[in-house]
Amino acid sequence: MAELKCSYSCPFHRGKIEWHHPCSEYPDVGLYLCEAHHSLLQGRHVRYQGEILIDLTLQQMKADLVKLERHAVENAGLTYDSIDKH
């Protein structure tokens, strides 16, 4: 079985990689995220030590993650309005 990788192309990853499904009605639609990036989508406002070296703010990284999430949802034929989980 292939190793799971976080869908976000950030150089810093932390924690387990798990399936993030933003639409509760469609659990097969989503993307794989490490715990650090999933917590950004959920509203984390404090940098982890390893994120200090990244040349993006947490808000910029969250915006990137929202775009990835939106892309996954729209590729499945759904609309962004289908997202009900963060």
C-alpha atoms as a PDB file:
ATOM      1  CA  MET A   1       0.000   0.000   0.000  1.00  0.00           C
ATOM      2  CA  ALA A   2       1.298   3.470  -0.886  1.00  0.00           C
ATOM      3  CA  GLU A   3       2.276   5.833   1.899  1.00  0.00           C
ATOM      4  CA  LEU A   4      -0.303   8.552   2.511  1.00  0.00           C
ATOM      5  CA  LYS A   5       0.904  12.084   1.892  1.00  0.00           C
ATOM      6  CA  CYS A   6      -0.591  15.411   2.849  1.00  0.00           C
ATOM      7  CA  SER A   7      -2.207  17.068  -0.182  1.00  0.00           C
ATOM      8  CA  TYR A   8      -0.786  20.470   0.730  1.00  0.00           C
ATOM      9  CA  SER A   9       2.616  21.170  -0.825  1.00  0.00           C
ATOM     10  CA  CYS A  10       4.000  22.901   2.250  1.00  0.00           C
ATOM     11  CA  PRO A  11       7.479  21.762   3.380  1.00  0.00           C
ATOM     12  CA  PHE A  12       6.325  21.364   7.004  1.00  0.00           C
ATOM     13  CA  HIS A  13       3.998  18.545   8.016  1.00  0.00           C
ATOM     14  CA  ARG A  14       3.102  17.329  11.482  1.00  0.00           C
ATOM     15  CA  GLY A  15       1.057  14.477  12.844  1.00  0.00           C
ATOM     16  CA  LYS A  16      -0.932  11.706  11.246  1.00  0.00           C
ATOM     17  CA  ILE A  17      -2.239  11.973   7.710  1.00  0.00           C
ATOM     18  CA  GLU A  18      -5.994  11.518   7.630  1.00  0.00           C
ATOM     19  CA  TRP A  19      -8.825  11.877   5.153  1.00  0.00           C
ATOM     20  CA  HIS A  20     -10.498  15.289   5.410  1.00  0.00           C
ATOM     21  CA  HIS A  21     -14.016  15.220   3.986  1.00  0.00           C
ATOM     22  CA  PRO A  22     -15.543  18.700   4.124  1.00  0.00           C
ATOM     23  CA  CYS A  23     -19.027  17.607   3.008  1.00  0.00           C
ATOM     24  CA  SER A  24     -20.761  15.414   5.580  1.00  0.00           C
ATOM     25  CA  GLU A  25     -23.187  14.081   2.958  1.00  0.00           C
ATOM     26  CA  TYR A  26     -20.288  12.968   0.723  1.00  0.00           C
ATOM     27  CA  PRO A  27     -17.620  11.248   2.857  1.00  0.00           C
ATOM     28  CA  ASP A  28     -15.746  10.049  -0.256  1.00  0.00           C
ATOM     29  CA  VAL A  29     -15.054  13.634  -1.372  1.00  0.00           C
ATOM     30  CA  GLY A  30     -12.049  15.313   0.166  1.00  0.00           C
ATOM     31  CA  LEU A  31      -8.290  15.254   0.493  1.00  0.00           C
ATOM     32  CA  TYR A  32      -5.562  13.888   2.736  1.00  0.00           C
ATOM     33  CA  LEU A  33      -4.162  16.333   5.280  1.00  0.00           C
ATOM     34  CA  CYS A  34      -1.665  16.068   8.102  1.00  0.00           C
ATOM     35  CA  GLU A  35      -2.874  17.154  11.533  1.00  0.00           C
ATOM     36  CA  ALA A  36      -1.050  20.496  11.259  1.00  0.00           C
ATOM     37  CA  HIS A  37      -2.793  21.493   8.047  1.00  0.00           C
ATOM     38  CA  HIS A  38      -6.163  20.145   9.114  1.00  0.00           C
ATOM     39  CA  SER A  39      -5.944  22.275  12.255  1.00  0.00           C
ATOM     40  CA  LEU A  40      -5.389  25.371  10.096  1.00  0.00           C
ATOM     41  CA  LEU A  41      -8.681  24.713   8.336  1.00  0.00           C
ATOM     42  CA  GLN A  42     -10.304  24.399  11.744  1.00  0.00           C
ATOM     43  CA  GLY A  43      -9.006  27.796  12.854  1.00  0.00           C
ATOM     44  CA  ARG A  44      -5.605  27.335  14.503  1.00  0.00           C
ATOM     45  CA  HIS A  45      -3.960  30.757  15.045  1.00  0.00           C
ATOM     46  CA  VAL A  46      -0.593  29.776  16.531  1.00  0.00           C
ATOM     47  CA  ARG A  47       2.418  28.716  14.474  1.00  0.00           C
ATOM     48  CA  TYR A  48       4.141  25.436  15.199  1.00  0.00           C
ATOM     49  CA  GLN A  49       7.894  25.748  15.632  1.00  0.00           C
ATOM     50  CA  GLY A  50       8.613  24.183  12.227  1.00  0.00           C
ATOM     51  CA  GLU A  51       6.333  26.695  10.491  1.00  0.00           C
ATOM     52  CA  ILE A  52       8.573  29.611  11.440  1.00  0.00           C
ATOM     53  CA  LEU A  53      10.736  28.880   8.385  1.00  0.00           C
ATOM     54  CA  ILE A  54       7.795  29.068   5.965  1.00  0.00           C
ATOM     55  CA  ASP A  55       7.514  32.352   4.076  1.00  0.00           C
ATOM     56  CA  LEU A  56       3.714  32.483   4.364  1.00  0.00           C
ATOM     57  CA  THR A  57       1.401  33.671   7.108  1.00  0.00           C
ATOM     58  CA  LEU A  58      -1.017  31.213   8.673  1.00  0.00           C
ATOM     59  CA  GLN A  59      -3.812  33.084   6.901  1.00  0.00           C
ATOM     60  CA  GLN A  60      -2.092  32.588   3.533  1.00  0.00           C
ATOM     61  CA  MET A  61      -1.594  28.885   4.225  1.00  0.00           C
ATOM     62  CA  LYS A  62      -5.247  28.561   5.253  1.00  0.00           C
ATOM     63  CA  ALA A  63      -6.297  30.304   2.026  1.00  0.00           C
ATOM     64  CA  ASP A  64      -4.212  27.776   0.061  1.00  0.00           C
ATOM     65  CA  LEU A  65      -5.880  24.918   1.937  1.00  0.00           C
ATOM     66  CA  VAL A  66      -9.349  26.331   1.277  1.00  0.00           C
ATOM     67  CA  LYS A  67      -8.477  26.450  -2.444  1.00  0.00           C
ATOM     68  CA  LEU A  68      -7.347  22.796  -2.349  1.00  0.00           C
ATOM     69  CA  GLU A  69     -10.528  21.855  -0.521  1.00  0.00           C
ATOM     70  CA  ARG A  70     -12.680  23.766  -2.997  1.00  0.00           C
ATOM     71  CA  HIS A  71     -10.861  22.127  -5.915  1.00  0.00           C
ATOM     72  CA  ALA A  72     -11.481  18.630  -4.501  1.00  0.00           C
ATOM     73  CA  VAL A  73     -15.169  19.384  -3.981  1.00  0.00           C
ATOM     74  CA  GLU A  74     -15.664  20.912  -7.419  1.00  0.00           C
ATOM     75  CA  ASN A  75     -13.774  18.051  -9.106  1.00  0.00           C
ATOM     76  CA  ALA A  76     -16.354  15.722  -7.581  1.00  0.00           C
ATOM     77  CA  GLY A  77     -19.142  17.691  -9.307  1.00  0.00           C
ATOM     78  CA  LEU A  78     -20.273  19.486  -6.162  1.00  0.00           C
ATOM     79  CA  THR A  79     -20.319  23.192  -5.375  1.00  0.00           C
ATOM     80  CA  TYR A  80     -18.391  25.050  -2.694  1.00  0.00           C
ATOM     81  CA  ASP A  81     -21.741  25.507  -0.913  1.00  0.00           C
ATOM     82  CA  SER A  82     -21.740  21.735  -0.266  1.00  0.00           C
ATOM     83  CA  ILE A  83     -18.956  22.211   2.296  1.00  0.00           C
ATOM     84  CA  ASP A  84     -20.363  22.091   5.811  1.00  0.00           C
ATOM     85  CA  LYS A  85     -17.363  21.011   7.902  1.00  0.00           C
ATOM     86  CA  HIS A  86     -14.312  22.937   9.061  1.00  0.00           C
END
